[in-house]
Amino acid sequence: MSATAVSKPAITFTGYQKFVIAVLAFLQFTIILDFMVISPLGAMVMPALEITPQQFGWIVSAYAFSAGASGILAAGFADSFDRKRLLLFFYVGFILGTLLCGVAGDFHLLLGARIVTGVFAGVIGSVVLAIATDLFPMEMRGRVMGLMQSAFASSQILGLPAALYFSNLWDWHAPFIMIVVIGALVGVVIAVKLKPVDAHLSLKQERSAFTHLTATLTEPRHALAFCTTALLATGGYMLMPFGSAFTVNNLKISLDHLPTIYLITGVCSIFIGPVVGRLSDKIGKFPTFLFGTILSIVMVLYYTRLGATPLWGAVVINVLLFLGIFSRMIPSQALMTAIPEITKRGAFNAISSSIQQVSGGVASVIAGALVLQTAGGPLEHFERVGYVVAGAAVISLFFMYRIHKAVPEKTA
């Protein structure tokens, strides 16, 4: 075999690119932590504010609904500004919304604060993806998405325990104040060190925000990606809400051992993300996605039919489930970044983010309708959720193959 036939080594990151990845990942860490921390604080928030579980449910869901709506509303002008300035504007709004959560003293103030926070946070993820797409070539995006995805795992094993520790030390307001302090420092670093991301402004764009939004929505290639995004959100949003209940009531794992499962899974996920990202750049995004889909289908169908399981078995199953999820999520994100042209990346990502929020909410409702539970008993018909998730995975594989053929990856 000639030397030219050997695959070229992966392109290495420059010092500035490493900085960009680190600051964007840390930013994502604060956003994810803010979104996740409210649920475990429920036991403190409800008695402190004297609210019902239904009212607390509104507090949790208000964030997701406002985030989904803001993505659509922001899509029209998402490509009309320097992406750095747009990121700072929404990040400052997010920090102010979180600060309001940290000083809220009753139900209505906290509900309003979560709505404000969701409005700004709902756009940040799409701006981050647009920046990553603008600054990194296709051959590097798998690794970029893998490293940024590690922020999710870090928020679970580092952020949540710290937030709950401070809430026990003081009160439930403390985690939000902690996020504000960390977020403010990240915002200063972005303002000072991140260079403008404005290459798209020199290119021709639609004259009005409405025209830009409709042009992005009606592009056939985009429609295929939006459908894929909706299907990809199905798995996590259908399985995760019932994860702890299924583990305790069906797998017969003690509540005391739940932190062990989440801790080990989170630690493994920190390493899984970068490895999957590197593989998707080396062997291809679609082959990695294919592997993740097959693994996910097998594990989901097996997992949702399980009975009593030893602790070590539950840990292994959870790690394999996350391996399948990451092996689908990371390459699909990297591959879909190549679909929109540079002048529509912001709008495309904003709409995708909104679709993900809405489809996730719908998936949770469907899962709730499929599963039954008697008082203190196991979850019944959970295997139905597995069938739906597996079916959605098969359809998403077909859609992703079409995207892969429409956006050929550069090969060495």
Protein backbone atom coordinates (compact mmCIF):
# COMPACT_ATOMS: atom_id res chain seq x y z
CA MET A 1 0.00 0.00 0.00
CA SER A 2 1.39 3.39 -0.93
CA ALA A 3 1.97 6.10 1.62
CA THR A 4 -0.69 8.28 0.01
CA ALA A 5 -3.33 5.64 0.69
CA VAL A 6 -2.80 5.90 4.44
CA SER A 7 -5.32 8.21 6.12
CA LYS A 8 -3.97 11.60 7.13
CA PRO A 9 -3.64 12.45 10.81
CA ALA A 10 -6.44 14.49 12.36
CA ILE A 11 -6.10 18.27 12.10
CA THR A 12 -4.87 19.66 15.41
CA PHE A 13 -6.47 22.56 17.25
CA THR A 14 -4.73 25.90 17.47
CA GLY A 15 -4.34 27.63 20.82
CA TYR A 16 -7.20 30.01 20.07
CA GLN A 17 -9.47 27.17 18.94
CA LYS A 18 -8.80 25.36 22.22
CA PHE A 19 -9.79 28.54 24.06
CA VAL A 20 -13.02 28.83 22.06
CA ILE A 21 -13.97 25.21 22.80
CA ALA A 22 -13.22 25.63 26.50
CA VAL A 23 -15.18 28.85 26.92
CA LEU A 24 -18.17 27.60 24.92
CA ALA A 25 -18.21 24.31 26.85
CA PHE A 26 -18.07 26.19 30.16
CA LEU A 27 -20.88 28.44 28.98
CA GLN A 28 -22.95 25.37 28.09
CA PHE A 29 -22.19 24.01 31.56
CA THR A 30 -23.88 27.01 33.21
CA ILE A 31 -26.90 26.82 30.88
CA ILE A 32 -27.44 23.08 31.42
CA LEU A 33 -26.92 23.38 35.18
CA ASP A 34 -29.50 26.17 35.41
CA PHE A 35 -32.00 24.03 33.48
CA MET A 36 -31.41 20.87 35.52
CA VAL A 37 -31.03 22.27 39.04
CA ILE A 38 -34.66 23.31 39.55
CA SER A 39 -36.03 19.74 39.61
CA PRO A 40 -33.98 18.39 42.55
CA LEU A 41 -34.69 21.64 44.44
CA GLY A 42 -38.42 20.87 44.41
CA ALA A 43 -38.37 19.36 47.90
CA MET A 44 -37.07 22.70 49.23
CA VAL A 45 -38.90 25.13 46.97
CA MET A 46 -42.44 23.79 47.51
CA PRO A 47 -42.53 24.10 51.32
CA ALA A 48 -40.54 27.34 51.30
CA LEU A 49 -42.95 29.07 48.89
CA GLU A 50 -45.99 27.09 50.12
CA ILE A 51 -46.89 25.91 46.61
CA THR A 52 -48.47 22.72 45.30
CA PRO A 53 -46.76 20.10 43.08
CA GLN A 54 -48.88 21.36 40.18
CA GLN A 55 -47.56 24.89 40.66
CA PHE A 56 -44.01 23.57 40.85
CA GLY A 57 -44.67 21.69 37.61
CA TRP A 58 -45.52 25.00 35.97
CA ILE A 59 -42.25 26.47 37.24
CA VAL A 60 -40.29 23.60 35.65
CA SER A 61 -42.16 23.58 32.34
CA ALA A 62 -42.28 27.38 31.97
CA TYR A 63 -38.54 27.38 31.22
CA ALA A 64 -38.86 24.82 28.42
CA PHE A 65 -41.90 26.48 26.82
CA SER A 66 -40.34 29.95 26.85
CA ALA A 67 -37.04 28.56 25.52
CA GLY A 68 -38.85 26.86 22.65
CA ALA A 69 -40.80 30.00 21.76
CA SER A 70 -37.77 32.29 21.91
CA GLY A 71 -35.86 30.15 19.42
CA ILE A 72 -38.50 30.70 16.76
CA LEU A 73 -38.85 34.41 17.58
CA ALA A 74 -35.08 34.95 17.42
CA ALA A 75 -34.53 32.96 14.22
CA GLY A 76 -35.42 35.86 11.93
CA PHE A 77 -32.59 38.09 13.12
CA ALA A 78 -30.15 35.40 14.33
CA ASP A 79 -27.85 36.00 11.32
CA SER A 80 -28.10 39.81 11.25
CA PHE A 81 -25.49 40.49 13.93
CA ASP A 82 -21.97 39.57 14.95
CA ARG A 83 -22.45 36.20 16.64
CA LYS A 84 -20.22 37.23 19.56
CA ARG A 85 -22.43 40.25 20.32
CA LEU A 86 -25.57 38.17 19.95
CA LEU A 87 -24.15 35.58 22.33
CA LEU A 88 -23.25 38.23 24.91
CA PHE A 89 -26.68 39.88 24.68
CA PHE A 90 -28.56 36.64 25.39
CA TYR A 91 -26.03 35.45 27.96
CA VAL A 92 -26.40 38.68 29.92
CA GLY A 93 -30.18 38.21 29.78
CA PHE A 94 -29.76 34.63 30.99
CA ILE A 95 -27.62 35.77 33.94
CA LEU A 96 -30.17 38.45 34.89
CA GLY A 97 -32.99 35.89 34.70
CA THR A 98 -31.03 33.50 36.92
CA LEU A 99 -30.39 36.35 39.36
CA LEU A 100 -34.14 36.93 39.53
CA CYS A 101 -34.53 33.24 40.41
CA GLY A 102 -31.98 33.74 43.17
CA VAL A 103 -33.98 36.54 44.82
CA ALA A 104 -37.55 35.35 44.07
CA GLY A 105 -39.68 35.14 47.20
CA ASP A 106 -42.99 33.77 45.97
CA PHE A 107 -44.52 31.57 43.27
CA HIS A 108 -45.32 34.31 40.77
CA LEU A 109 -41.87 35.91 40.96
CA LEU A 110 -40.12 32.56 40.52
CA LEU A 111 -42.43 31.62 37.64
CA GLY A 112 -41.71 34.93 35.91
CA ALA A 113 -37.98 34.54 36.55
CA ARG A 114 -37.94 31.07 34.96
CA ILE A 115 -39.78 32.42 31.92
CA VAL A 116 -37.23 35.23 31.54
CA THR A 117 -34.34 32.81 31.96
CA GLY A 118 -35.80 30.41 29.38
CA VAL A 119 -36.37 33.19 26.84
CA PHE A 120 -32.67 34.07 26.81
CA ALA A 121 -31.26 30.57 27.39
CA GLY A 122 -33.30 29.16 24.52
CA VAL A 123 -31.28 31.09 21.96
CA ILE A 124 -27.80 30.64 23.44
CA GLY A 125 -27.39 27.01 22.34
CA SER A 126 -28.14 27.88 18.72
CA VAL A 127 -25.64 30.77 18.75
CA VAL A 128 -22.99 28.49 20.24
CA LEU A 129 -23.54 25.94 17.45
CA ALA A 130 -23.35 28.68 14.81
CA ILE A 131 -20.05 29.95 16.25
CA ALA A 132 -18.62 26.42 16.35
CA THR A 133 -19.66 25.88 12.73
CA ASP A 134 -18.16 29.19 11.59
CA LEU A 135 -14.82 28.65 13.34
CA PHE A 136 -14.17 24.94 12.79
CA PRO A 137 -14.03 22.97 9.50
CA MET A 138 -16.10 19.83 9.00
CA GLU A 139 -13.08 17.60 9.70
CA MET A 140 -12.88 18.95 13.28
CA ARG A 141 -16.55 19.32 14.25
CA GLY A 142 -16.95 15.82 15.64
CA ARG A 143 -14.27 16.49 18.23
CA VAL A 144 -15.70 19.93 18.94
CA MET A 145 -19.20 18.57 19.53
CA GLY A 146 -17.79 15.75 21.65
CA LEU A 147 -15.88 18.12 23.91
CA MET A 148 -18.83 20.49 24.24
CA GLN A 149 -21.17 17.59 24.99
CA SER A 150 -18.99 16.78 28.00
CA ALA A 151 -20.53 19.88 29.60
CA PHE A 152 -23.73 17.87 30.05
CA ALA A 153 -21.95 15.15 31.99
CA SER A 154 -19.95 17.70 34.00
CA SER A 155 -23.12 19.47 35.07
CA GLN A 156 -24.42 16.16 36.43
CA ILE A 157 -21.38 15.00 38.39
CA LEU A 158 -19.88 18.37 39.37
CA GLY A 159 -22.51 21.07 39.10
CA LEU A 160 -25.57 19.40 40.62
CA PRO A 161 -23.85 18.04 43.76
CA ALA A 162 -22.23 21.43 44.38
CA ALA A 163 -25.53 23.24 43.84
CA LEU A 164 -27.38 20.90 46.21
CA TYR A 165 -24.60 21.25 48.80
CA PHE A 166 -24.92 25.04 48.84
CA SER A 167 -28.71 24.81 48.95
CA ASN A 168 -28.47 22.59 52.05
CA LEU A 169 -25.89 24.92 53.55
CA TRP A 170 -27.99 28.07 53.03
CA ASP A 171 -31.28 27.73 51.15
CA TRP A 172 -32.65 26.96 47.66
CA HIS A 173 -31.68 30.40 46.34
CA ALA A 174 -27.95 29.64 46.71
CA PRO A 175 -27.47 27.52 43.54
CA PHE A 176 -28.85 30.32 41.35
CA ILE A 177 -26.53 32.86 42.94
CA MET A 178 -23.65 30.44 42.35
CA ILE A 179 -24.57 30.17 38.67
CA VAL A 180 -24.76 33.97 38.42
CA VAL A 181 -21.25 34.40 39.83
CA ILE A 182 -19.75 31.73 37.56
CA GLY A 183 -21.72 32.98 34.54
CA ALA A 184 -20.62 36.57 35.08
CA LEU A 185 -16.96 35.50 35.04
CA VAL A 186 -17.51 33.50 31.85
CA GLY A 187 -19.25 36.49 30.27
CA VAL A 188 -16.30 38.76 31.01
CA VAL A 189 -13.88 36.27 29.45
CA ILE A 190 -16.05 36.05 26.32
CA ALA A 191 -16.30 39.84 26.05
CA VAL A 192 -12.56 40.33 26.40
CA LYS A 193 -11.00 37.32 24.68
CA LEU A 194 -13.43 36.03 22.03
CA LYS A 195 -12.88 37.61 18.61
CA PRO A 196 -15.81 38.87 16.53
CA VAL A 197 -17.59 36.16 14.53
CA ASP A 198 -19.02 38.20 11.68
CA ALA A 199 -17.89 36.70 8.36
CA HIS A 200 -21.53 36.03 7.43
CA LEU A 201 -22.38 39.74 7.56
CA SER A 202 -20.38 40.45 4.40
CA LEU A 203 -22.62 38.10 2.38
CA LYS A 204 -26.02 38.84 0.87
CA GLN A 205 -28.99 38.17 3.17
CA GLU A 206 -32.76 38.61 3.15
CA ARG A 207 -33.93 42.13 3.84
CA SER A 208 -36.43 41.40 6.63
CA ALA A 209 -36.43 39.12 9.64
CA PHE A 210 -39.70 37.51 8.55
CA THR A 211 -38.34 36.76 5.08
CA HIS A 212 -35.20 35.27 6.62
CA LEU A 213 -37.28 33.08 8.93
CA THR A 214 -39.58 31.79 6.17
CA ALA A 215 -36.67 31.20 3.80
CA THR A 216 -34.95 29.09 6.45
CA LEU A 217 -38.12 27.16 7.28
CA THR A 218 -39.08 26.38 3.68
CA GLU A 219 -35.67 25.23 2.47
CA PRO A 220 -36.14 21.49 1.62
CA ARG A 221 -32.76 20.45 3.03
CA HIS A 222 -33.60 22.18 6.30
CA ALA A 223 -36.97 20.43 6.56
CA LEU A 224 -35.25 17.04 6.47
CA ALA A 225 -32.89 18.11 9.26
CA PHE A 226 -35.74 19.49 11.37
CA CYS A 227 -37.62 16.17 11.10
CA THR A 228 -34.47 14.33 12.12
CA THR A 229 -33.97 16.63 15.11
CA ALA A 230 -37.52 15.95 16.29
CA LEU A 231 -36.96 12.19 16.11
CA LEU A 232 -33.58 12.36 17.84
CA ALA A 233 -35.17 14.13 20.82
CA THR A 234 -37.60 11.26 21.30
CA GLY A 235 -35.26 8.80 23.01
CA GLY A 236 -33.91 10.92 25.83
CA TYR A 237 -37.16 12.71 26.64
CA MET A 238 -39.16 9.46 26.73
CA LEU A 239 -36.73 7.47 28.86
CA MET A 240 -35.10 9.99 31.20
CA PRO A 241 -38.22 11.23 33.09
CA PHE A 242 -38.89 7.66 34.25
CA GLY A 243 -35.24 6.65 34.76
CA SER A 244 -35.16 6.87 38.57
CA ALA A 245 -38.65 5.39 39.06
CA PHE A 246 -37.86 2.45 36.75
CA THR A 247 -34.52 1.84 38.45
CA VAL A 248 -36.04 1.76 41.92
CA ASN A 249 -39.37 0.02 41.25
CA ASN A 250 -38.47 -2.35 38.42
CA LEU A 251 -34.74 -2.96 38.71
CA LYS A 252 -35.09 -3.05 42.52
CA ILE A 253 -32.11 -0.78 43.09
CA SER A 254 -32.17 1.05 46.42
CA LEU A 255 -32.64 4.83 46.44
CA ASP A 256 -29.35 5.04 48.31
CA HIS A 257 -27.56 3.57 45.29
CA LEU A 258 -29.02 5.97 42.70
CA PRO A 259 -26.23 8.55 43.23
CA THR A 260 -23.67 5.81 42.56
CA ILE A 261 -25.28 4.98 39.22
CA TYR A 262 -25.48 8.64 38.17
CA LEU A 263 -21.94 9.37 39.35
CA ILE A 264 -20.32 6.48 37.46
CA THR A 265 -22.42 7.16 34.37
CA GLY A 266 -21.50 10.85 34.46
CA VAL A 267 -17.79 10.17 34.87
CA CYS A 268 -17.83 7.73 31.96
CA SER A 269 -19.78 10.24 29.83
CA ILE A 270 -17.07 12.85 30.29
CA PHE A 271 -14.67 10.49 28.51
CA ILE A 272 -17.23 9.03 26.08
CA GLY A 273 -18.00 12.41 24.48
CA PRO A 274 -14.47 13.28 23.28
CA VAL A 275 -13.80 9.68 22.17
CA VAL A 276 -16.97 9.54 20.09
CA GLY A 277 -16.18 12.95 18.63
CA ARG A 278 -12.71 11.84 17.60
CA LEU A 279 -14.05 8.64 16.04
CA SER A 280 -16.69 10.53 14.06
CA ASP A 281 -13.95 12.72 12.57
CA LYS A 282 -11.74 9.71 11.84
CA ILE A 283 -14.15 7.10 10.46
CA GLY A 284 -17.03 9.38 9.46
CA LYS A 285 -20.11 10.93 11.05
CA PHE A 286 -22.66 8.58 9.51
CA PRO A 287 -20.81 5.31 10.34
CA THR A 288 -20.52 6.50 13.95
CA PHE A 289 -24.22 7.40 13.96
CA LEU A 290 -25.05 3.96 12.54
CA PHE A 291 -23.12 2.27 15.33
CA GLY A 292 -24.87 4.44 17.95
CA THR A 293 -28.29 3.68 16.50
CA ILE A 294 -27.78 -0.09 16.49
CA LEU A 295 -26.40 -0.01 20.04
CA SER A 296 -29.25 2.24 21.22
CA ILE A 297 -31.97 0.04 19.73
CA VAL A 298 -30.51 -3.12 21.27
CA MET A 299 -29.98 -1.52 24.69
CA VAL A 300 -33.34 0.26 24.83
CA LEU A 301 -35.30 -2.87 23.93
CA TYR A 302 -33.32 -4.84 26.52
CA TYR A 303 -33.43 -2.15 29.21
CA THR A 304 -37.17 -1.44 29.07
CA ARG A 305 -38.00 -5.13 29.67
CA LEU A 306 -35.68 -5.65 32.63
CA GLY A 307 -36.67 -6.88 36.05
CA ALA A 308 -34.61 -7.08 39.24
CA THR A 309 -30.99 -6.31 38.38
CA PRO A 310 -27.80 -6.13 40.50
CA LEU A 311 -26.21 -2.73 40.98
CA TRP A 312 -23.21 -3.48 38.76
CA GLY A 313 -25.56 -4.59 35.96
CA ALA A 314 -27.58 -1.36 36.21
CA VAL A 315 -24.36 0.67 36.00
CA VAL A 316 -23.14 -1.18 32.90
CA ILE A 317 -26.52 -0.81 31.19
CA ASN A 318 -26.68 2.93 31.91
CA VAL A 319 -23.16 3.48 30.58
CA LEU A 320 -23.97 1.56 27.38
CA LEU A 321 -27.19 3.55 26.98
CA PHE A 322 -25.24 6.80 27.20
CA LEU A 323 -22.64 5.46 24.79
CA GLY A 324 -25.43 4.85 22.28
CA ILE A 325 -26.98 8.28 22.91
CA PHE A 326 -23.68 10.14 22.53
CA SER A 327 -22.77 8.08 19.45
CA ARG A 328 -25.94 9.40 17.82
CA MET A 329 -26.06 12.91 19.21
CA ILE A 330 -22.48 14.03 18.53
CA PRO A 331 -22.09 12.87 14.88
CA SER A 332 -25.63 14.00 14.01
CA GLN A 333 -24.95 17.50 15.35
CA ALA A 334 -21.63 17.64 13.52
CA LEU A 335 -23.15 16.43 10.25
CA MET A 336 -26.15 18.74 10.36
CA THR A 337 -23.94 21.80 10.87
CA ALA A 338 -22.97 21.43 7.20
CA ILE A 339 -26.57 21.75 5.96
CA PRO A 340 -27.32 25.50 6.26
CA GLU A 341 -25.30 28.07 4.37
CA ILE A 342 -23.33 30.52 6.47
CA THR A 343 -25.98 33.26 6.23
CA LYS A 344 -28.66 30.96 7.67
CA ARG A 345 -26.75 29.09 10.37
CA GLY A 346 -28.10 31.15 13.24
CA ALA A 347 -31.72 30.85 12.11
CA PHE A 348 -31.35 27.14 11.32
CA ASN A 349 -29.91 26.34 14.75
CA ALA A 350 -32.49 28.49 16.54
CA ILE A 351 -35.37 26.68 14.83
CA SER A 352 -33.74 23.29 15.50
CA SER A 353 -33.42 24.17 19.19
CA SER A 354 -37.11 25.09 19.38
CA ILE A 355 -38.15 21.90 17.60
CA GLN A 356 -36.05 19.89 20.03
CA GLN A 357 -37.76 21.52 23.02
CA VAL A 358 -41.27 21.04 21.63
CA SER A 359 -40.73 17.48 20.42
CA GLY A 360 -39.16 16.60 23.76
CA GLY A 361 -42.24 17.86 25.56
CA VAL A 362 -44.53 15.89 23.26
CA ALA A 363 -42.40 12.77 23.76
CA SER A 364 -42.70 13.11 27.54
CA VAL A 365 -46.48 13.35 27.27
CA ILE A 366 -46.63 10.27 25.03
CA ALA A 367 -44.42 8.31 27.42
CA GLY A 368 -46.65 9.28 30.33
CA ALA A 369 -49.68 7.98 28.43
CA LEU A 370 -47.98 4.66 27.64
CA VAL A 371 -46.75 3.84 31.14
CA LEU A 372 -48.86 2.86 34.15
CA GLN A 373 -47.92 2.63 37.81
CA THR A 374 -49.89 1.53 40.82
CA ALA A 375 -49.08 2.95 44.24
CA GLY A 376 -45.68 1.63 45.24
CA GLY A 377 -45.65 -0.86 42.38
CA PRO A 378 -43.41 -1.27 39.34
CA LEU A 379 -43.84 0.68 36.11
CA GLU A 380 -46.06 -1.30 33.76
CA HIS A 381 -45.89 -1.35 29.96
CA PHE A 382 -42.52 0.39 29.96
CA GLU A 383 -41.54 -1.85 27.04
CA ARG A 384 -44.01 0.15 24.92
CA VAL A 385 -41.77 3.18 25.38
CA GLY A 386 -38.88 1.04 24.17
CA TYR A 387 -40.74 0.12 21.00
CA VAL A 388 -41.53 3.77 20.24
CA VAL A 389 -37.93 4.85 20.88
CA ALA A 390 -36.57 2.02 18.71
CA GLY A 391 -39.00 2.85 15.90
CA ALA A 392 -38.03 6.53 16.01
CA ALA A 393 -34.36 5.49 15.90
CA VAL A 394 -34.90 3.44 12.74
CA ILE A 395 -36.68 6.32 10.98
CA SER A 396 -34.01 8.80 12.10
CA LEU A 397 -31.34 6.48 10.67
CA PHE A 398 -33.05 6.64 7.27
CA PHE A 399 -33.27 10.46 7.47
CA MET A 400 -29.66 10.75 8.60
CA TYR A 401 -28.55 8.60 5.65
CA ARG A 402 -30.26 11.06 3.30
CA ILE A 403 -28.51 13.95 5.05
CA HIS A 404 -25.21 12.08 4.78
CA LYS A 405 -25.70 11.65 1.01
CA ALA A 406 -26.74 15.30 0.59
CA VAL A 407 -23.75 16.58 2.57
CA PRO A 408 -20.81 14.29 1.67
CA GLU A 409 -18.12 14.30 4.30
CA LYS A 410 -14.61 15.17 3.23
CA THR A 411 -12.46 12.08 3.41
CA ALA A 412 -8.71 11.85 3.52
